[in-house]
Amino acid sequence: MIIPTSTFEGVVDAAFHQIRQYSRTSTALAVRLLETIAVTAEVAHRPEDRAVLQRHADMISRGAHAGLPEIEDKRAVQQRYVAASQALHDRAGRA
């Protein structure tokens, strides 16, 4: 008998929540998290997994918008957010 001990959502939440919270005031960290989501989108086969990743991308974007004072930093995060969202959407079209 094989019993799953973790869900995709649980693993992603554990990996992203605390780091995401710190990324509110760190452009570099927010950008890297969004780049990680874009890369992970390539192997996220199930719609519910892509939804989890999109939820985290949304939270990263909102947090950076609220926490970063510099407009150029906000733009850098927004560009990565759009790329991550597009990667998740593109993957959905191929699934």
PDB file of N, CA and C in Angstrom:
ATOM      1  N   MET A   1       0.840  -1.163   0.000  1.00  0.00           N
ATOM      2  CA  MET A   1       0.000   0.000   0.000  1.00  0.00           C
ATOM      3  C   MET A   1       0.897   1.242   0.000  1.00  0.00           C
ATOM      4  N   ILE A   2       0.560   2.173  -0.864  1.00  0.00           N
ATOM      5  CA  ILE A   2       1.278   3.440  -0.917  1.00  0.00           C
ATOM      6  C   ILE A   2       0.312   4.538  -0.503  1.00  0.00           C
ATOM      7  N   ILE A   3       0.732   5.281   0.488  1.00  0.00           N
ATOM      8  CA  ILE A   3      -0.106   6.362   0.993  1.00  0.00           C
ATOM      9  C   ILE A   3       0.647   7.676   0.782  1.00  0.00           C
ATOM     10  N   PRO A   4       0.048   8.591  -0.001  1.00  0.00           N
ATOM     11  CA  PRO A   4       0.743   9.867  -0.199  1.00  0.00           C
ATOM     12  C   PRO A   4       0.852  10.644   1.107  1.00  0.00           C
ATOM     13  N   THR A   5       2.028  11.173   1.375  1.00  0.00           N
ATOM     14  CA  THR A   5       2.227  11.917   2.613  1.00  0.00           C
ATOM     15  C   THR A   5       2.174  13.422   2.378  1.00  0.00           C
ATOM     16  N   SER A   6       2.269  13.832   1.126  1.00  0.00           N
ATOM     17  CA  SER A   6       2.240  15.251   0.816  1.00  0.00           C
ATOM     18  C   SER A   6       1.458  15.474  -0.467  1.00  0.00           C
ATOM     19  N   THR A   7       0.859  16.623  -0.552  1.00  0.00           N
ATOM     20  CA  THR A   7       0.194  17.016  -1.787  1.00  0.00           C
ATOM     21  C   THR A   7       1.082  18.042  -2.489  1.00  0.00           C
ATOM     22  N   PHE A   8       0.851  18.242  -3.763  1.00  0.00           N
ATOM     23  CA  PHE A   8       1.582  19.270  -4.496  1.00  0.00           C
ATOM     24  C   PHE A   8       1.380  20.622  -3.819  1.00  0.00           C
ATOM     25  N   GLU A   9       0.135  20.933  -3.491  1.00  0.00           N
ATOM     26  CA  GLU A   9      -0.170  22.200  -2.836  1.00  0.00           C
ATOM     27  C   GLU A   9       0.580  22.339  -1.518  1.00  0.00           C
ATOM     28  N   GLY A  10       0.617  21.290  -0.721  1.00  0.00           N
ATOM     29  CA  GLY A  10       1.317  21.332   0.560  1.00  0.00           C
ATOM     30  C   GLY A  10       2.811  21.570   0.397  1.00  0.00           C
ATOM     31  N   VAL A  11       3.401  20.910  -0.589  1.00  0.00           N
ATOM     32  CA  VAL A  11       4.834  21.087  -0.835  1.00  0.00           C
ATOM     33  C   VAL A  11       5.114  22.507  -1.320  1.00  0.00           C
ATOM     34  N   VAL A  12       4.307  22.994  -2.255  1.00  0.00           N
ATOM     35  CA  VAL A  12       4.508  24.350  -2.779  1.00  0.00           C
ATOM     36  C   VAL A  12       4.293  25.386  -1.672  1.00  0.00           C
ATOM     37  N   ASP A  13       3.250  25.211  -0.877  1.00  0.00           N
ATOM     38  CA  ASP A  13       3.012  26.143   0.225  1.00  0.00           C
ATOM     39  C   ASP A  13       4.196  26.159   1.186  1.00  0.00           C
ATOM     40  N   ALA A  14       4.701  24.988   1.548  1.00  0.00           N
ATOM     41  CA  ALA A  14       5.837  24.910   2.465  1.00  0.00           C
ATOM     42  C   ALA A  14       7.079  25.562   1.863  1.00  0.00           C
ATOM     43  N   ALA A  15       7.260  25.391   0.565  1.00  0.00           N
ATOM     44  CA  ALA A  15       8.440  25.938  -0.097  1.00  0.00           C
ATOM     45  C   ALA A  15       8.351  27.453  -0.298  1.00  0.00           C
ATOM     46  N   PHE A  16       7.156  27.979  -0.500  1.00  0.00           N
ATOM     47  CA  PHE A  16       7.026  29.372  -0.904  1.00  0.00           C
ATOM     48  C   PHE A  16       6.547  30.343   0.173  1.00  0.00           C
ATOM     49  N   HIS A  17       5.696  29.923   1.095  1.00  0.00           N
ATOM     50  CA  HIS A  17       5.052  30.897   1.990  1.00  0.00           C
ATOM     51  C   HIS A  17       6.037  31.807   2.716  1.00  0.00           C
ATOM     52  N   GLN A  18       6.945  31.240   3.474  1.00  0.00           N
ATOM     53  CA  GLN A  18       7.825  32.088   4.273  1.00  0.00           C
ATOM     54  C   GLN A  18       8.761  32.914   3.391  1.00  0.00           C
ATOM     55  N   ILE A  19       9.293  32.311   2.338  1.00  0.00           N
ATOM     56  CA  ILE A  19      10.175  33.054   1.441  1.00  0.00           C
ATOM     57  C   ILE A  19       9.389  34.167   0.751  1.00  0.00           C
ATOM     58  N   ARG A  20       8.180  33.848   0.308  1.00  0.00           N
ATOM     59  CA  ARG A  20       7.341  34.855  -0.346  1.00  0.00           C
ATOM     60  C   ARG A  20       7.083  36.035   0.576  1.00  0.00           C
ATOM     61  N   GLN A  21       6.859  35.774   1.846  1.00  0.00           N
ATOM     62  CA  GLN A  21       6.599  36.851   2.791  1.00  0.00           C
ATOM     63  C   GLN A  21       7.802  37.789   2.903  1.00  0.00           C
ATOM     64  N   TYR A  22       8.998  37.244   2.857  1.00  0.00           N
ATOM     65  CA  TYR A  22      10.199  38.078   2.889  1.00  0.00           C
ATOM     66  C   TYR A  22      10.415  38.814   1.571  1.00  0.00           C
ATOM     67  N   SER A  23       9.861  38.299   0.488  1.00  0.00           N
ATOM     68  CA  SER A  23      10.096  38.906  -0.824  1.00  0.00           C
ATOM     69  C   SER A  23       9.349  40.223  -1.013  1.00  0.00           C
ATOM     70  N   ARG A  24       8.454  40.547  -0.108  1.00  0.00           N
ATOM     71  CA  ARG A  24       7.693  41.806  -0.230  1.00  0.00           C
ATOM     72  C   ARG A  24       8.602  43.019  -0.352  1.00  0.00           C
ATOM     73  N   THR A  25       9.766  42.964   0.266  1.00  0.00           N
ATOM     74  CA  THR A  25      10.682  44.101   0.246  1.00  0.00           C
ATOM     75  C   THR A  25      12.002  43.768  -0.445  1.00  0.00           C
ATOM     76  N   SER A  26      12.038  42.676  -1.168  1.00  0.00           N
ATOM     77  CA  SER A  26      13.258  42.279  -1.874  1.00  0.00           C
ATOM     78  C   SER A  26      12.944  41.998  -3.338  1.00  0.00           C
ATOM     79  N   THR A  27      13.364  42.899  -4.190  1.00  0.00           N
ATOM     80  CA  THR A  27      13.132  42.724  -5.623  1.00  0.00           C
ATOM     81  C   THR A  27      13.767  41.436  -6.114  1.00  0.00           C
ATOM     82  N   ALA A  28      15.025  41.213  -5.733  1.00  0.00           N
ATOM     83  CA  ALA A  28      15.753  40.034  -6.204  1.00  0.00           C
ATOM     84  C   ALA A  28      15.041  38.746  -5.806  1.00  0.00           C
ATOM     85  N   LEU A  29      14.567  38.688  -4.585  1.00  0.00           N
ATOM     86  CA  LEU A  29      13.884  37.489  -4.115  1.00  0.00           C
ATOM     87  C   LEU A  29      12.547  37.298  -4.831  1.00  0.00           C
ATOM     88  N   ALA A  30      11.775  38.358  -5.003  1.00  0.00           N
ATOM     89  CA  ALA A  30      10.493  38.251  -5.708  1.00  0.00           C
ATOM     90  C   ALA A  30      10.707  37.790  -7.146  1.00  0.00           C
ATOM     91  N   VAL A  31      11.710  38.355  -7.811  1.00  0.00           N
ATOM     92  CA  VAL A  31      12.017  37.976  -9.191  1.00  0.00           C
ATOM     93  C   VAL A  31      12.402  36.504  -9.265  1.00  0.00           C
ATOM     94  N   ARG A  32      13.258  36.042  -8.364  1.00  0.00           N
ATOM     95  CA  ARG A  32      13.696  34.632  -8.389  1.00  0.00           C
ATOM     96  C   ARG A  32      12.535  33.677  -8.113  1.00  0.00           C
ATOM     97  N   LEU A  33      11.657  34.043  -7.203  1.00  0.00           N
ATOM     98  CA  LEU A  33      10.488  33.200  -6.930  1.00  0.00           C
ATOM     99  C   LEU A  33       9.606  33.079  -8.168  1.00  0.00           C
ATOM    100  N   LEU A  34       9.384  34.184  -8.836  1.00  0.00           N
ATOM    101  CA  LEU A  34       8.548  34.148 -10.044  1.00  0.00           C
ATOM    102  C   LEU A  34       9.231  33.380 -11.166  1.00  0.00           C
ATOM    103  N   GLU A  35      10.538  33.497 -11.269  1.00  0.00           N
ATOM    104  CA  GLU A  35      11.272  32.695 -12.260  1.00  0.00           C
ATOM    105  C   GLU A  35      11.169  31.208 -11.932  1.00  0.00           C
ATOM    106  N   THR A  36      11.210  30.875 -10.650  1.00  0.00           N
ATOM    107  CA  THR A  36      11.052  29.481 -10.231  1.00  0.00           C
ATOM    108  C   THR A  36       9.671  28.960 -10.595  1.00  0.00           C
ATOM    109  N   ILE A  37       8.658  29.771 -10.418  1.00  0.00           N
ATOM    110  CA  ILE A  37       7.302  29.376 -10.796  1.00  0.00           C
ATOM    111  C   ILE A  37       7.227  29.139 -12.301  1.00  0.00           C
ATOM    112  N   ALA A  38       7.839  30.010 -13.090  1.00  0.00           N
ATOM    113  CA  ALA A  38       7.826  29.844 -14.548  1.00  0.00           C
ATOM    114  C   ALA A  38       8.490  28.539 -14.954  1.00  0.00           C
ATOM    115  N   VAL A  39       9.594  28.190 -14.333  1.00  0.00           N
ATOM    116  CA  VAL A  39      10.283  26.933 -14.644  1.00  0.00           C
ATOM    117  C   VAL A  39       9.439  25.740 -14.195  1.00  0.00           C
ATOM    118  N   THR A  40       8.861  25.847 -13.014  1.00  0.00           N
ATOM    119  CA  THR A  40       8.037  24.758 -12.480  1.00  0.00           C
ATOM    120  C   THR A  40       6.791  24.534 -13.334  1.00  0.00           C
ATOM    121  N   ALA A  41       6.330  25.581 -13.989  1.00  0.00           N
ATOM    122  CA  ALA A  41       5.154  25.457 -14.864  1.00  0.00           C
ATOM    123  C   ALA A  41       5.363  24.396 -15.936  1.00  0.00           C
ATOM    124  N   GLU A  42       6.596  24.212 -16.365  1.00  0.00           N
ATOM    125  CA  GLU A  42       6.899  23.227 -17.410  1.00  0.00           C
ATOM    126  C   GLU A  42       6.573  21.799 -16.984  1.00  0.00           C
ATOM    127  N   VAL A  43       6.584  21.523 -15.693  1.00  0.00           N
ATOM    128  CA  VAL A  43       6.317  20.158 -15.217  1.00  0.00           C
ATOM    129  C   VAL A  43       5.013  20.057 -14.426  1.00  0.00           C
ATOM    130  N   ALA A  44       4.271  21.147 -14.370  1.00  0.00           N
ATOM    131  CA  ALA A  44       2.981  21.139 -13.674  1.00  0.00           C
ATOM    132  C   ALA A  44       1.920  20.684 -14.665  1.00  0.00           C
ATOM    133  N   HIS A  45       1.588  19.424 -14.619  1.00  0.00           N
ATOM    134  CA  HIS A  45       0.688  18.833 -15.606  1.00  0.00           C
ATOM    135  C   HIS A  45      -0.793  19.017 -15.270  1.00  0.00           C
ATOM    136  N   ARG A  46      -1.110  19.018 -13.991  1.00  0.00           N
ATOM    137  CA  ARG A  46      -2.521  19.072 -13.606  1.00  0.00           C
ATOM    138  C   ARG A  46      -2.991  20.516 -13.438  1.00  0.00           C
ATOM    139  N   PRO A  47      -4.205  20.806 -13.863  1.00  0.00           N
ATOM    140  CA  PRO A  47      -4.729  22.174 -13.713  1.00  0.00           C
ATOM    141  C   PRO A  47      -4.685  22.667 -12.269  1.00  0.00           C
ATOM    142  N   GLU A  48      -4.969  21.793 -11.320  1.00  0.00           N
ATOM    143  CA  GLU A  48      -4.964  22.219  -9.919  1.00  0.00           C
ATOM    144  C   GLU A  48      -3.555  22.573  -9.448  1.00  0.00           C
ATOM    145  N   ASP A  49      -2.538  21.924 -10.019  1.00  0.00           N
ATOM    146  CA  ASP A  49      -1.158  22.266  -9.667  1.00  0.00           C
ATOM    147  C   ASP A  49      -0.787  23.636 -10.239  1.00  0.00           C
ATOM    148  N   ARG A  50      -1.199  23.889 -11.469  1.00  0.00           N
ATOM    149  CA  ARG A  50      -0.941  25.199 -12.069  1.00  0.00           C
ATOM    150  C   ARG A  50      -1.688  26.292 -11.302  1.00  0.00           C
ATOM    151  N   ALA A  51      -2.870  25.974 -10.795  1.00  0.00           N
ATOM    152  CA  ALA A  51      -3.632  26.959 -10.013  1.00  0.00           C
ATOM    153  C   ALA A  51      -2.898  27.312  -8.715  1.00  0.00           C
ATOM    154  N   VAL A  52      -2.289  26.334  -8.092  1.00  0.00           N
ATOM    155  CA  VAL A  52      -1.502  26.583  -6.876  1.00  0.00           C
ATOM    156  C   VAL A  52      -0.337  27.513  -7.193  1.00  0.00           C
ATOM    157  N   LEU A  53       0.361  27.235  -8.275  1.00  0.00           N
ATOM    158  CA  LEU A  53       1.487  28.080  -8.676  1.00  0.00           C
ATOM    159  C   LEU A  53       1.022  29.486  -9.028  1.00  0.00           C
ATOM    160  N   GLN A  54      -0.109  29.600  -9.711  1.00  0.00           N
ATOM    161  CA  GLN A  54      -0.636  30.919 -10.054  1.00  0.00           C
ATOM    162  C   GLN A  54      -1.020  31.691  -8.805  1.00  0.00           C
ATOM    163  N   ARG A  55      -1.587  30.999  -7.832  1.00  0.00           N
ATOM    164  CA  ARG A  55      -1.957  31.654  -6.566  1.00  0.00           C
ATOM    165  C   ARG A  55      -0.731  32.262  -5.905  1.00  0.00           C
ATOM    166  N   HIS A  56       0.363  31.513  -5.907  1.00  0.00           N
ATOM    167  CA  HIS A  56       1.592  32.039  -5.307  1.00  0.00           C
ATOM    168  C   HIS A  56       2.161  33.188  -6.135  1.00  0.00           C
ATOM    169  N   ALA A  57       2.116  33.085  -7.446  1.00  0.00           N
ATOM    170  CA  ALA A  57       2.577  34.183  -8.298  1.00  0.00           C
ATOM    171  C   ALA A  57       1.758  35.443  -8.014  1.00  0.00           C
ATOM    172  N   ASP A  58       0.456  35.287  -7.860  1.00  0.00           N
ATOM    173  CA  ASP A  58      -0.417  36.428  -7.558  1.00  0.00           C
ATOM    174  C   ASP A  58      -0.029  37.068  -6.224  1.00  0.00           C
ATOM    175  N   MET A  59       0.218  36.238  -5.213  1.00  0.00           N
ATOM    176  CA  MET A  59       0.587  36.769  -3.897  1.00  0.00           C
ATOM    177  C   MET A  59       1.936  37.484  -3.946  1.00  0.00           C
ATOM    178  N   ILE A  60       2.881  36.927  -4.692  1.00  0.00           N
ATOM    179  CA  ILE A  60       4.192  37.568  -4.831  1.00  0.00           C
ATOM    180  C   ILE A  60       4.031  38.931  -5.494  1.00  0.00           C
ATOM    181  N   SER A  61       3.254  38.984  -6.556  1.00  0.00           N
ATOM    182  CA  SER A  61       3.037  40.241  -7.272  1.00  0.00           C
ATOM    183  C   SER A  61       2.372  41.285  -6.376  1.00  0.00           C
ATOM    184  N   ARG A  62       1.325  40.896  -5.683  1.00  0.00           N
ATOM    185  CA  ARG A  62       0.632  41.843  -4.791  1.00  0.00           C
ATOM    186  C   ARG A  62       1.554  42.333  -3.679  1.00  0.00           C
ATOM    187  N   GLY A  63       2.311  41.408  -3.096  1.00  0.00           N
ATOM    188  CA  GLY A  63       3.215  41.784  -2.005  1.00  0.00           C
ATOM    189  C   GLY A  63       4.294  42.742  -2.469  1.00  0.00           C
ATOM    190  N   ALA A  64       4.876  42.468  -3.629  1.00  0.00           N
ATOM    191  CA  ALA A  64       5.915  43.346  -4.159  1.00  0.00           C
ATOM    192  C   ALA A  64       5.348  44.710  -4.503  1.00  0.00           C
ATOM    193  N   HIS A  65       4.154  44.735  -5.061  1.00  0.00           N
ATOM    194  CA  HIS A  65       3.532  46.015  -5.412  1.00  0.00           C
ATOM    195  C   HIS A  65       3.323  46.861  -4.155  1.00  0.00           C
ATOM    196  N   ALA A  66       2.925  46.215  -3.078  1.00  0.00           N
ATOM    197  CA  ALA A  66       2.682  46.942  -1.832  1.00  0.00           C
ATOM    198  C   ALA A  66       3.978  47.282  -1.088  1.00  0.00           C
ATOM    199  N   GLY A  67       4.984  46.416  -1.202  1.00  0.00           N
ATOM    200  CA  GLY A  67       6.169  46.570  -0.363  1.00  0.00           C
ATOM    201  C   GLY A  67       7.383  47.214  -0.990  1.00  0.00           C
ATOM    202  N   LEU A  68       7.437  47.286  -2.301  1.00  0.00           N
ATOM    203  CA  LEU A  68       8.615  47.864  -2.958  1.00  0.00           C
ATOM    204  C   LEU A  68       8.358  49.335  -3.284  1.00  0.00           C
ATOM    205  N   PRO A  69       9.210  50.226  -2.806  1.00  0.00           N
ATOM    206  CA  PRO A  69       8.975  51.651  -3.059  1.00  0.00           C
ATOM    207  C   PRO A  69       9.422  52.112  -4.450  1.00  0.00           C
ATOM    208  N   GLU A  70      10.376  51.430  -5.047  1.00  0.00           N
ATOM    209  CA  GLU A  70      10.947  51.867  -6.322  1.00  0.00           C
ATOM    210  C   GLU A  70      10.135  51.349  -7.507  1.00  0.00           C
ATOM    211  N   ILE A  71       9.703  52.244  -8.380  1.00  0.00           N
ATOM    212  CA  ILE A  71       8.860  51.885  -9.521  1.00  0.00           C
ATOM    213  C   ILE A  71       9.562  50.915 -10.470  1.00  0.00           C
ATOM    214  N   GLU A  72      10.856  51.094 -10.683  1.00  0.00           N
ATOM    215  CA  GLU A  72      11.581  50.178 -11.580  1.00  0.00           C
ATOM    216  C   GLU A  72      11.647  48.766 -10.996  1.00  0.00           C
ATOM    217  N   ASP A  73      11.754  48.657  -9.691  1.00  0.00           N
ATOM    218  CA  ASP A  73      11.732  47.341  -9.047  1.00  0.00           C
ATOM    219  C   ASP A  73      10.361  46.693  -9.214  1.00  0.00           C
ATOM    220  N   LYS A  74       9.320  47.493  -9.056  1.00  0.00           N
ATOM    221  CA  LYS A  74       7.961  46.975  -9.257  1.00  0.00           C
ATOM    222  C   LYS A  74       7.783  46.497 -10.700  1.00  0.00           C
ATOM    223  N   ARG A  75       8.343  47.245 -11.656  1.00  0.00           N
ATOM    224  CA  ARG A  75       8.252  46.840 -13.062  1.00  0.00           C
ATOM    225  C   ARG A  75       8.974  45.520 -13.308  1.00  0.00           C
ATOM    226  N   ALA A  76      10.146  45.350 -12.707  1.00  0.00           N
ATOM    227  CA  ALA A  76      10.903  44.104 -12.876  1.00  0.00           C
ATOM    228  C   ALA A  76      10.093  42.912 -12.356  1.00  0.00           C
ATOM    229  N   VAL A  77       9.476  43.093 -11.208  1.00  0.00           N
ATOM    230  CA  VAL A  77       8.649  42.021 -10.647  1.00  0.00           C
ATOM    231  C   VAL A  77       7.450  41.774 -11.548  1.00  0.00           C
ATOM    232  N   GLN A  78       6.815  42.833 -12.019  1.00  0.00           N
ATOM    233  CA  GLN A  78       5.644  42.687 -12.881  1.00  0.00           C
ATOM    234  C   GLN A  78       5.993  41.938 -14.169  1.00  0.00           C
ATOM    235  N   GLN A  79       7.145  42.235 -14.742  1.00  0.00           N
ATOM    236  CA  GLN A  79       7.575  41.525 -15.958  1.00  0.00           C
ATOM    237  C   GLN A  79       7.720  40.034 -15.686  1.00  0.00           C
ATOM    238  N   ARG A  80       8.311  39.675 -14.556  1.00  0.00           N
ATOM    239  CA  ARG A  80       8.471  38.256 -14.219  1.00  0.00           C
ATOM    240  C   ARG A  80       7.130  37.619 -13.901  1.00  0.00           C
ATOM    241  N   TYR A  81       6.234  38.403 -13.293  1.00  0.00           N
ATOM    242  CA  TYR A  81       4.888  37.904 -13.004  1.00  0.00           C
ATOM    243  C   TYR A  81       4.157  37.556 -14.301  1.00  0.00           C
ATOM    244  N   VAL A  82       4.224  38.438 -15.262  1.00  0.00           N
ATOM    245  CA  VAL A  82       3.577  38.202 -16.555  1.00  0.00           C
ATOM    246  C   VAL A  82       4.184  36.958 -17.213  1.00  0.00           C
ATOM    247  N   ALA A  83       5.506  36.825 -17.158  1.00  0.00           N
ATOM    248  CA  ALA A  83       6.172  35.659 -17.759  1.00  0.00           C
ATOM    249  C   ALA A  83       5.756  34.367 -17.056  1.00  0.00           C
ATOM    250  N   ALA A  84       5.683  34.393 -15.727  1.00  0.00           N
ATOM    251  CA  ALA A  84       5.270  33.197 -14.982  1.00  0.00           C
ATOM    252  C   ALA A  84       3.822  32.831 -15.304  1.00  0.00           C
ATOM    253  N   SER A  85       2.953  33.830 -15.313  1.00  0.00           N
ATOM    254  CA  SER A  85       1.545  33.582 -15.630  1.00  0.00           C
ATOM    255  C   SER A  85       1.393  33.036 -17.048  1.00  0.00           C
ATOM    256  N   GLN A  86       2.169  33.584 -17.969  1.00  0.00           N
ATOM    257  CA  GLN A  86       2.128  33.106 -19.355  1.00  0.00           C
ATOM    258  C   GLN A  86       2.618  31.665 -19.443  1.00  0.00           C
ATOM    259  N   ALA A  87       3.681  31.343 -18.714  1.00  0.00           N
ATOM    260  CA  ALA A  87       4.194  29.967 -18.712  1.00  0.00           C
ATOM    261  C   ALA A  87       3.135  29.003 -18.176  1.00  0.00           C
ATOM    262  N   LEU A  88       2.430  29.413 -17.139  1.00  0.00           N
ATOM    263  CA  LEU A  88       1.365  28.567 -16.588  1.00  0.00           C
ATOM    264  C   LEU A  88       0.219  28.429 -17.584  1.00  0.00           C
ATOM    265  N   HIS A  89      -0.116  29.490 -18.251  1.00  0.00           N
ATOM    266  CA  HIS A  89      -1.186  29.463 -19.242  1.00  0.00           C
ATOM    267  C   HIS A  89      -0.776  28.618 -20.454  1.00  0.00           C
ATOM    268  N   ASP A  90       0.466  28.813 -20.921  1.00  0.00           N
ATOM    269  CA  ASP A  90       0.967  28.044 -22.069  1.00  0.00           C
ATOM    270  C   ASP A  90       0.953  26.548 -21.766  1.00  0.00           C
ATOM    271  N   ARG A  91       1.349  26.196 -20.562  1.00  0.00           N
ATOM    272  CA  ARG A  91       1.384  24.792 -20.151  1.00  0.00           C
ATOM    273  C   ARG A  91      -0.047  24.240 -20.140  1.00  0.00           C
ATOM    274  N   ALA A  92      -0.994  25.060 -19.746  1.00  0.00           N
ATOM    275  CA  ALA A  92      -2.397  24.619 -19.706  1.00  0.00           C
ATOM    276  C   ALA A  92      -2.872  24.272 -21.122  1.00  0.00           C
ATOM    277  N   GLY A  93      -2.411  25.037 -22.100  1.00  0.00           N
ATOM    278  CA  GLY A  93      -2.802  24.785 -23.475  1.00  0.00           C
ATOM    279  C   GLY A  93      -2.208  23.516 -24.055  1.00  0.00           C
ATOM    280  N   ARG A  94      -1.103  23.056 -23.462  1.00  0.00           N
ATOM    281  CA  ARG A  94      -0.452  21.832 -23.947  1.00  0.00           C
ATOM    282  C   ARG A  94      -0.850  20.605 -23.170  1.00  0.00           C
ATOM    283  N   ALA A  95      -1.543  20.793 -22.065  1.00  0.00           N
ATOM    284  CA  ALA A  95      -1.914  19.642 -21.223  1.00  0.00           C
ATOM    285  C   ALA A  95      -3.068  18.867 -21.806  1.00  0.00           C
TER     286      ALA A  95
END
